Structure formats: C-alpha cells, structure tokens
Amino acid sequence: MSEDEAWIAGRGVWKFNADRALAEDEVQIIDSDGTVLAVARIEGIRKCGDRYALEGELLRGDPRVGQPTTTPHRSRNPVTYI
C-alpha cells in the first residue's frame, strides 16, 4: 500500500473524537503490526453524518514511514494522533 493509499483509507470516514483529533498536529496511519504507513499534518476535519474524516497534508516521504510507530496505543483503529 502506498502512502497515498494509506492516507485515503485511514483518514476517514470514522467515528472518532473530533476535539481530540483537532488538538493534535499530526496523525500516523499504521498497520496492525504497528508499522507506520503514512504521516499527515492535521488541518481540520469534515463531518460526514455521525462520522468524521480528517483533512490535512500528507507528508510524503516522511522518515517514519516503514518504521515501527514510536507512539503505541491500545486502540484497534488504524489512526493515532501524535
């Protein structure tokens, strides 16, 4: 999966805490093994019914892509805010 594909799949549409997402600068899209697939700068959110999608700038070529996340979390969701 390319960074662009991971960003499209991971940015939404999901149920998440909009205030929490907006309080952060970046988001990592990770796989189930904790490997970073994409990193993006959060610029806003878009409401989609009772769900949301992140708006932002994909940071293509970020050195964290392909590496284990340094921000492990207990969520089953493929998104973590950093």
PDB file of N, CA and C in Angstrom:
ATOM      1  N   MET A   1       0.853  -1.173   0.000  1.00  0.00           N
ATOM      2  CA  MET A   1       0.000   0.000   0.000  1.00  0.00           C
ATOM      3  C   MET A   1       0.897   1.233   0.000  1.00  0.00           C
ATOM      4  N   SER A   2       0.621   2.143  -0.909  1.00  0.00           N
ATOM      5  CA  SER A   2       1.402   3.385  -0.971  1.00  0.00           C
ATOM      6  C   SER A   2       0.989   4.332   0.162  1.00  0.00           C
ATOM      7  N   GLU A   3       1.788   5.362   0.380  1.00  0.00           N
ATOM      8  CA  GLU A   3       1.438   6.370   1.380  1.00  0.00           C
ATOM      9  C   GLU A   3       0.108   7.032   1.026  1.00  0.00           C
ATOM     10  N   ASP A   4      -0.085   7.343  -0.249  1.00  0.00           N
ATOM     11  CA  ASP A   4      -1.343   7.966  -0.679  1.00  0.00           C
ATOM     12  C   ASP A   4      -2.531   7.049  -0.406  1.00  0.00           C
ATOM     13  N   GLU A   5      -2.398   5.777  -0.716  1.00  0.00           N
ATOM     14  CA  GLU A   5      -3.486   4.822  -0.474  1.00  0.00           C
ATOM     15  C   GLU A   5      -3.776   4.684   1.015  1.00  0.00           C
ATOM     16  N   ALA A   6      -2.708   4.629   1.835  1.00  0.00           N
ATOM     17  CA  ALA A   6      -2.890   4.528   3.282  1.00  0.00           C
ATOM     18  C   ALA A   6      -3.592   5.765   3.830  1.00  0.00           C
ATOM     19  N   TRP A   7      -3.225   6.953   3.337  1.00  0.00           N
ATOM     20  CA  TRP A   7      -3.858   8.193   3.785  1.00  0.00           C
ATOM     21  C   TRP A   7      -5.331   8.213   3.407  1.00  0.00           C
ATOM     22  N   ILE A   8      -5.645   7.839   2.185  1.00  0.00           N
ATOM     23  CA  ILE A   8      -7.047   7.818   1.746  1.00  0.00           C
ATOM     24  C   ILE A   8      -7.855   6.849   2.598  1.00  0.00           C
ATOM     25  N   ALA A   9      -7.317   5.669   2.840  1.00  0.00           N
ATOM     26  CA  ALA A   9      -8.036   4.658   3.628  1.00  0.00           C
ATOM     27  C   ALA A   9      -8.126   5.038   5.097  1.00  0.00           C
ATOM     28  N   GLY A  10      -7.069   5.633   5.642  1.00  0.00           N
ATOM     29  CA  GLY A  10      -7.005   5.871   7.077  1.00  0.00           C
ATOM     30  C   GLY A  10      -7.592   7.181   7.553  1.00  0.00           C
ATOM     31  N   ARG A  11      -7.768   8.156   6.669  1.00  0.00           N
ATOM     32  CA  ARG A  11      -8.206   9.487   7.103  1.00  0.00           C
ATOM     33  C   ARG A  11      -9.689   9.544   7.427  1.00  0.00           C
ATOM     34  N   GLY A  12     -10.448   8.584   7.003  1.00  0.00           N
ATOM     35  CA  GLY A  12     -11.881   8.562   7.326  1.00  0.00           C
ATOM     36  C   GLY A  12     -12.633   7.810   6.267  1.00  0.00           C
ATOM     37  N   VAL A  13     -13.811   7.572   6.483  1.00  0.00           N
ATOM     38  CA  VAL A  13     -14.759   8.193   7.400  1.00  0.00           C
ATOM     39  C   VAL A  13     -14.911   7.263   8.617  1.00  0.00           C
ATOM     40  N   TRP A  14     -14.688   7.826   9.834  1.00  0.00           N
ATOM     41  CA  TRP A  14     -14.674   7.052  11.063  1.00  0.00           C
ATOM     42  C   TRP A  14     -15.449   7.782  12.158  1.00  0.00           C
ATOM     43  N   LYS A  15     -15.784   7.035  13.192  1.00  0.00           N
ATOM     44  CA  LYS A  15     -16.254   7.654  14.431  1.00  0.00           C
ATOM     45  C   LYS A  15     -15.021   7.911  15.274  1.00  0.00           C
ATOM     46  N   PHE A  16     -14.766   9.157  15.593  1.00  0.00           N
ATOM     47  CA  PHE A  16     -13.662   9.498  16.476  1.00  0.00           C
ATOM     48  C   PHE A  16     -13.971  10.797  17.190  1.00  0.00           C
ATOM     49  N   ASN A  17     -13.179  11.104  18.200  1.00  0.00           N
ATOM     50  CA  ASN A  17     -13.353  12.310  18.988  1.00  0.00           C
ATOM     51  C   ASN A  17     -12.755  13.481  18.219  1.00  0.00           C
ATOM     52  N   ALA A  18     -13.603  14.304  17.634  1.00  0.00           N
ATOM     53  CA  ALA A  18     -13.155  15.413  16.791  1.00  0.00           C
ATOM     54  C   ALA A  18     -12.286  16.395  17.569  1.00  0.00           C
ATOM     55  N   ASP A  19     -12.654  16.725  18.794  1.00  0.00           N
ATOM     56  CA  ASP A  19     -11.871  17.664  19.591  1.00  0.00           C
ATOM     57  C   ASP A  19     -10.470  17.126  19.849  1.00  0.00           C
ATOM     58  N   ARG A  20     -10.388  15.843  20.134  1.00  0.00           N
ATOM     59  CA  ARG A  20      -9.083  15.222  20.388  1.00  0.00           C
ATOM     60  C   ARG A  20      -8.215  15.273  19.123  1.00  0.00           C
ATOM     61  N   ALA A  21      -8.804  14.969  17.992  1.00  0.00           N
ATOM     62  CA  ALA A  21      -8.052  15.000  16.733  1.00  0.00           C
ATOM     63  C   ALA A  21      -7.563  16.411  16.426  1.00  0.00           C
ATOM     64  N   LEU A  22      -8.416  17.399  16.616  1.00  0.00           N
ATOM     65  CA  LEU A  22      -8.052  18.784  16.311  1.00  0.00           C
ATOM     66  C   LEU A  22      -7.018  19.355  17.274  1.00  0.00           C
ATOM     67  N   ALA A  23      -6.877  18.741  18.438  1.00  0.00           N
ATOM     68  CA  ALA A  23      -5.896  19.197  19.418  1.00  0.00           C
ATOM     69  C   ALA A  23      -4.478  18.732  19.070  1.00  0.00           C
ATOM     70  N   GLU A  24      -4.346  17.862  18.088  1.00  0.00           N
ATOM     71  CA  GLU A  24      -3.046  17.313  17.706  1.00  0.00           C
ATOM     72  C   GLU A  24      -2.565  17.921  16.394  1.00  0.00           C
ATOM     73  N   ASP A  25      -1.266  17.805  16.158  1.00  0.00           N
ATOM     74  CA  ASP A  25      -0.652  18.363  14.954  1.00  0.00           C
ATOM     75  C   ASP A  25      -0.608  17.373  13.803  1.00  0.00           C
ATOM     76  N   GLU A  26      -0.369  16.102  14.127  1.00  0.00           N
ATOM     77  CA  GLU A  26      -0.170  15.094  13.094  1.00  0.00           C
ATOM     78  C   GLU A  26      -0.945  13.824  13.415  1.00  0.00           C
ATOM     79  N   VAL A  27      -1.089  13.014  12.375  1.00  0.00           N
ATOM     80  CA  VAL A  27      -1.701  11.697  12.517  1.00  0.00           C
ATOM     81  C   VAL A  27      -0.797  10.691  11.815  1.00  0.00           C
ATOM     82  N   GLN A  28      -0.667   9.509  12.392  1.00  0.00           N
ATOM     83  CA  GLN A  28       0.029   8.401  11.753  1.00  0.00           C
ATOM     84  C   GLN A  28      -1.002   7.364  11.365  1.00  0.00           C
ATOM     85  N   ILE A  29      -0.914   6.872  10.154  1.00  0.00           N
ATOM     86  CA  ILE A  29      -1.717   5.736   9.730  1.00  0.00           C
ATOM     87  C   ILE A  29      -0.787   4.532   9.878  1.00  0.00           C
ATOM     88  N   ILE A  30      -1.189   3.556  10.682  1.00  0.00           N
ATOM     89  CA  ILE A  30      -0.336   2.404  10.949  1.00  0.00           C
ATOM     90  C   ILE A  30      -1.073   1.117  10.608  1.00  0.00           C
ATOM     91  N   ASP A  31      -0.312   0.050  10.381  1.00  0.00           N
ATOM     92  CA  ASP A  31      -0.936  -1.247  10.147  1.00  0.00           C
ATOM     93  C   ASP A  31      -1.102  -1.975  11.478  1.00  0.00           C
ATOM     94  N   SER A  32      -1.659  -3.182  11.429  1.00  0.00           N
ATOM     95  CA  SER A  32      -1.959  -3.921  12.657  1.00  0.00           C
ATOM     96  C   SER A  32      -0.702  -4.344  13.404  1.00  0.00           C
ATOM     97  N   ASP A  33       0.452  -4.310  12.751  1.00  0.00           N
ATOM     98  CA  ASP A  33       1.716  -4.640  13.415  1.00  0.00           C
ATOM     99  C   ASP A  33       2.384  -3.414  14.027  1.00  0.00           C
ATOM    100  N   GLY A  34       1.803  -2.231  13.835  1.00  0.00           N
ATOM    101  CA  GLY A  34       2.365  -1.004  14.388  1.00  0.00           C
ATOM    102  C   GLY A  34       3.372  -0.323  13.483  1.00  0.00           C
ATOM    103  N   THR A  35       3.406  -0.697  12.212  1.00  0.00           N
ATOM    104  CA  THR A  35       4.297  -0.065  11.248  1.00  0.00           C
ATOM    105  C   THR A  35       3.608   1.148  10.640  1.00  0.00           C
ATOM    106  N   VAL A  36       4.306   2.259  10.595  1.00  0.00           N
ATOM    107  CA  VAL A  36       3.754   3.498  10.050  1.00  0.00           C
ATOM    108  C   VAL A  36       3.643   3.377   8.530  1.00  0.00           C
ATOM    109  N   LEU A  37       2.428   3.607   8.022  1.00  0.00           N
ATOM    110  CA  LEU A  37       2.171   3.563   6.584  1.00  0.00           C
ATOM    111  C   LEU A  37       2.126   4.952   5.969  1.00  0.00           C
ATOM    112  N   ALA A  38       1.734   5.947   6.767  1.00  0.00           N
ATOM    113  CA  ALA A  38       1.645   7.324   6.283  1.00  0.00           C
ATOM    114  C   ALA A  38       1.614   8.264   7.480  1.00  0.00           C
ATOM    115  N   VAL A  39       2.080   9.477   7.253  1.00  0.00           N
ATOM    116  CA  VAL A  39       2.040  10.539   8.264  1.00  0.00           C
ATOM    117  C   VAL A  39       1.452  11.767   7.589  1.00  0.00           C
ATOM    118  N   ALA A  40       0.554  12.449   8.296  1.00  0.00           N
ATOM    119  CA  ALA A  40      -0.061  13.658   7.733  1.00  0.00           C
ATOM    120  C   ALA A  40      -0.184  14.729   8.804  1.00  0.00           C
ATOM    121  N   ARG A  41      -0.137  15.973   8.364  1.00  0.00           N
ATOM    122  CA  ARG A  41      -0.382  17.127   9.230  1.00  0.00           C
ATOM    123  C   ARG A  41      -1.889  17.351   9.262  1.00  0.00           C
ATOM    124  N   ILE A  42      -2.465  17.421  10.448  1.00  0.00           N
ATOM    125  CA  ILE A  42      -3.902  17.634  10.595  1.00  0.00           C
ATOM    126  C   ILE A  42      -4.209  19.112  10.386  1.00  0.00           C
ATOM    127  N   GLU A  43      -5.118  19.394   9.448  1.00  0.00           N
ATOM    128  CA  GLU A  43      -5.516  20.775   9.168  1.00  0.00           C
ATOM    129  C   GLU A  43      -6.979  21.024   9.490  1.00  0.00           C
ATOM    130  N   GLY A  44      -7.738  19.961   9.739  1.00  0.00           N
ATOM    131  CA  GLY A  44      -9.145  20.112  10.068  1.00  0.00           C
ATOM    132  C   GLY A  44      -9.846  18.775   9.960  1.00  0.00           C
ATOM    133  N   ILE A  45     -11.157  18.820  10.123  1.00  0.00           N
ATOM    134  CA  ILE A  45     -11.979  17.623   9.971  1.00  0.00           C
ATOM    135  C   ILE A  45     -13.201  17.968   9.136  1.00  0.00           C
ATOM    136  N   ARG A  46     -13.793  16.950   8.554  1.00  0.00           N
ATOM    137  CA  ARG A  46     -15.028  17.116   7.789  1.00  0.00           C
ATOM    138  C   ARG A  46     -16.062  16.185   8.396  1.00  0.00           C
ATOM    139  N   LYS A  47     -17.234  16.704   8.714  1.00  0.00           N
ATOM    140  CA  LYS A  47     -18.315  15.899   9.281  1.00  0.00           C
ATOM    141  C   LYS A  47     -19.023  15.157   8.158  1.00  0.00           C
ATOM    142  N   CYS A  48     -19.240  13.877   8.366  1.00  0.00           N
ATOM    143  CA  CYS A  48     -19.904  13.004   7.390  1.00  0.00           C
ATOM    144  C   CYS A  48     -20.990  12.239   8.127  1.00  0.00           C
ATOM    145  N   GLY A  49     -22.153  12.874   8.289  1.00  0.00           N
ATOM    146  CA  GLY A  49     -23.209  12.251   9.093  1.00  0.00           C
ATOM    147  C   GLY A  49     -22.784  12.232  10.546  1.00  0.00           C
ATOM    148  N   ASP A  50     -22.760  11.023  11.151  1.00  0.00           N
ATOM    149  CA  ASP A  50     -22.325  10.906  12.536  1.00  0.00           C
ATOM    150  C   ASP A  50     -20.851  10.509  12.634  1.00  0.00           C
ATOM    151  N   ARG A  51     -20.123  10.651  11.540  1.00  0.00           N
ATOM    152  CA  ARG A  51     -18.710  10.285  11.479  1.00  0.00           C
ATOM    153  C   ARG A  51     -17.899  11.465  10.961  1.00  0.00           C
ATOM    154  N   TYR A  52     -16.583  11.291  10.945  1.00  0.00           N
ATOM    155  CA  TYR A  52     -15.690  12.363  10.532  1.00  0.00           C
ATOM    156  C   TYR A  52     -14.605  11.832   9.600  1.00  0.00           C
ATOM    157  N   ALA A  53     -14.031  12.738   8.843  1.00  0.00           N
ATOM    158  CA  ALA A  53     -12.845  12.468   8.033  1.00  0.00           C
ATOM    159  C   ALA A  53     -11.819  13.542   8.352  1.00  0.00           C
ATOM    160  N   LEU A  54     -10.573  13.130   8.467  1.00  0.00           N
ATOM    161  CA  LEU A  54      -9.500  14.092   8.689  1.00  0.00           C
ATOM    162  C   LEU A  54      -9.180  14.822   7.401  1.00  0.00           C
ATOM    163  N   GLU A  55      -8.885  16.090   7.524  1.00  0.00           N
ATOM    164  CA  GLU A  55      -8.389  16.897   6.417  1.00  0.00           C
ATOM    165  C   GLU A  55      -6.953  17.245   6.776  1.00  0.00           C
ATOM    166  N   GLY A  56      -6.068  17.197   5.803  1.00  0.00           N
ATOM    167  CA  GLY A  56      -4.693  17.527   6.111  1.00  0.00           C
ATOM    168  C   GLY A  56      -3.775  17.346   4.932  1.00  0.00           C
ATOM    169  N   GLU A  57      -2.494  17.504   5.221  1.00  0.00           N
ATOM    170  CA  GLU A  57      -1.458  17.389   4.201  1.00  0.00           C
ATOM    171  C   GLU A  57      -0.651  16.130   4.454  1.00  0.00           C
ATOM    172  N   LEU A  58      -0.656  15.221   3.497  1.00  0.00           N
ATOM    173  CA  LEU A  58       0.145  14.011   3.573  1.00  0.00           C
ATOM    174  C   LEU A  58       1.611  14.413   3.498  1.00  0.00           C
ATOM    175  N   LEU A  59       2.403  13.937   4.437  1.00  0.00           N
ATOM    176  CA  LEU A  59       3.829  14.237   4.474  1.00  0.00           C
ATOM    177  C   LEU A  59       4.581  13.116   3.753  1.00  0.00           C
ATOM    178  N   ARG A  60       4.478  13.120   2.425  1.00  0.00           N
ATOM    179  CA  ARG A  60       5.100  12.071   1.605  1.00  0.00           C
ATOM    180  C   ARG A  60       6.592  11.989   1.876  1.00  0.00           C
ATOM    181  N   GLY A  61       7.058  10.757   2.018  1.00  0.00           N
ATOM    182  CA  GLY A  61       8.481  10.539   2.226  1.00  0.00           C
ATOM    183  C   GLY A  61       8.956  10.785   3.646  1.00  0.00           C
ATOM    184  N   ASP A  62       8.029  10.947   4.583  1.00  0.00           N
ATOM    185  CA  ASP A  62       8.416  11.149   5.976  1.00  0.00           C
ATOM    186  C   ASP A  62       9.272   9.956   6.424  1.00  0.00           C
ATOM    187  N   PRO A  63      10.366  10.186   7.141  1.00  0.00           N
ATOM    188  CA  PRO A  63      11.251   9.096   7.534  1.00  0.00           C
ATOM    189  C   PRO A  63      10.622   8.082   8.490  1.00  0.00           C
ATOM    190  N   ARG A  64       9.484   8.409   9.094  1.00  0.00           N
ATOM    191  CA  ARG A  64       8.816   7.460   9.988  1.00  0.00           C
ATOM    192  C   ARG A  64       8.073   6.363   9.232  1.00  0.00           C
ATOM    193  N   VAL A  65       7.772   6.607   7.948  1.00  0.00           N
ATOM    194  CA  VAL A  65       7.058   5.612   7.142  1.00  0.00           C
ATOM    195  C   VAL A  65       7.935   4.374   6.995  1.00  0.00           C
ATOM    196  N   GLY A  66       7.326   3.225   7.229  1.00  0.00           N
ATOM    197  CA  GLY A  66       8.044   1.955   7.163  1.00  0.00           C
ATOM    198  C   GLY A  66       8.697   1.550   8.464  1.00  0.00           C
ATOM    199  N   GLN A  67       8.651   2.427   9.456  1.00  0.00           N
ATOM    200  CA  GLN A  67       9.251   2.164  10.760  1.00  0.00           C
ATOM    201  C   GLN A  67       8.169   1.823  11.781  1.00  0.00           C
ATOM    202  N   PRO A  68       8.545   1.151  12.876  1.00  0.00           N
ATOM    203  CA  PRO A  68       7.569   0.933  13.952  1.00  0.00           C
ATOM    204  C   PRO A  68       7.148   2.276  14.546  1.00  0.00           C
ATOM    205  N   THR A  69       5.885   2.414  14.871  1.00  0.00           N
ATOM    206  CA  THR A  69       5.425   3.655  15.487  1.00  0.00           C
ATOM    207  C   THR A  69       6.102   3.847  16.837  1.00  0.00           C
ATOM    208  N   THR A  70       6.444   5.073  17.142  1.00  0.00           N
ATOM    209  CA  THR A  70       7.007   5.393  18.456  1.00  0.00           C
ATOM    210  C   THR A  70       5.900   5.813  19.413  1.00  0.00           C
ATOM    211  N   THR A  71       4.673   5.781  18.924  1.00  0.00           N
ATOM    212  CA  THR A  71       3.513   6.189  19.716  1.00  0.00           C
ATOM    213  C   THR A  71       2.515   5.034  19.785  1.00  0.00           C
ATOM    214  N   PRO A  72       2.881   3.949  20.480  1.00  0.00           N
ATOM    215  CA  PRO A  72       1.943   2.817  20.535  1.00  0.00           C
ATOM    216  C   PRO A  72       0.662   3.206  21.271  1.00  0.00           C
ATOM    217  N   HIS A  73      -0.430   2.579  20.912  1.00  0.00           N
ATOM    218  CA  HIS A  73      -1.712   2.856  21.539  1.00  0.00           C
ATOM    219  C   HIS A  73      -2.515   1.565  21.599  1.00  0.00           C
ATOM    220  N   ARG A  74      -3.524   1.581  22.425  1.00  0.00           N
ATOM    221  CA  ARG A  74      -4.329   0.378  22.627  1.00  0.00           C
ATOM    222  C   ARG A  74      -5.531   0.312  21.693  1.00  0.00           C
ATOM    223  N   SER A  75      -5.739   1.319  20.901  1.00  0.00           N
ATOM    224  CA  SER A  75      -6.899   1.362  20.028  1.00  0.00           C
ATOM    225  C   SER A  75      -6.798   0.316  18.919  1.00  0.00           C
ATOM    226  N   ARG A  76      -7.933  -0.194  18.491  1.00  0.00           N
ATOM    227  CA  ARG A  76      -7.968  -1.104  17.359  1.00  0.00           C
ATOM    228  C   ARG A  76      -8.070  -0.320  16.057  1.00  0.00           C
ATOM    229  N   ASN A  77      -8.266   0.976  16.144  1.00  0.00           N
ATOM    230  CA  ASN A  77      -8.411   1.790  14.948  1.00  0.00           C
ATOM    231  C   ASN A  77      -7.057   2.017  14.280  1.00  0.00           C
ATOM    232  N   PRO A  78      -7.034   2.256  12.958  1.00  0.00           N
ATOM    233  CA  PRO A  78      -5.771   2.449  12.265  1.00  0.00           C
ATOM    234  C   PRO A  78      -5.258   3.879  12.329  1.00  0.00           C
ATOM    235  N   VAL A  79      -5.786   4.671  13.260  1.00  0.00           N
ATOM    236  CA  VAL A  79      -5.370   6.068  13.348  1.00  0.00           C
ATOM    237  C   VAL A  79      -4.916   6.349  14.772  1.00  0.00           C
ATOM    238  N   THR A  80      -3.796   7.045  14.906  1.00  0.00           N
ATOM    239  CA  THR A  80      -3.364   7.557  16.196  1.00  0.00           C
ATOM    240  C   THR A  80      -2.963   9.006  16.006  1.00  0.00           C
ATOM    241  N   TYR A  81      -3.277   9.851  16.966  1.00  0.00           N
ATOM    242  CA  TYR A  81      -2.946  11.268  16.891  1.00  0.00           C
ATOM    243  C   TYR A  81      -1.643  11.464  17.652  1.00  0.00           C
ATOM    244  N   ILE A  82      -0.728  12.262  17.107  1.00  0.00           N
ATOM    245  CA  ILE A  82       0.581  12.456  17.766  1.00  0.00           C
ATOM    246  C   ILE A  82       0.877  13.933  17.894  1.00  0.00           C
TER     247      ILE A  82
END
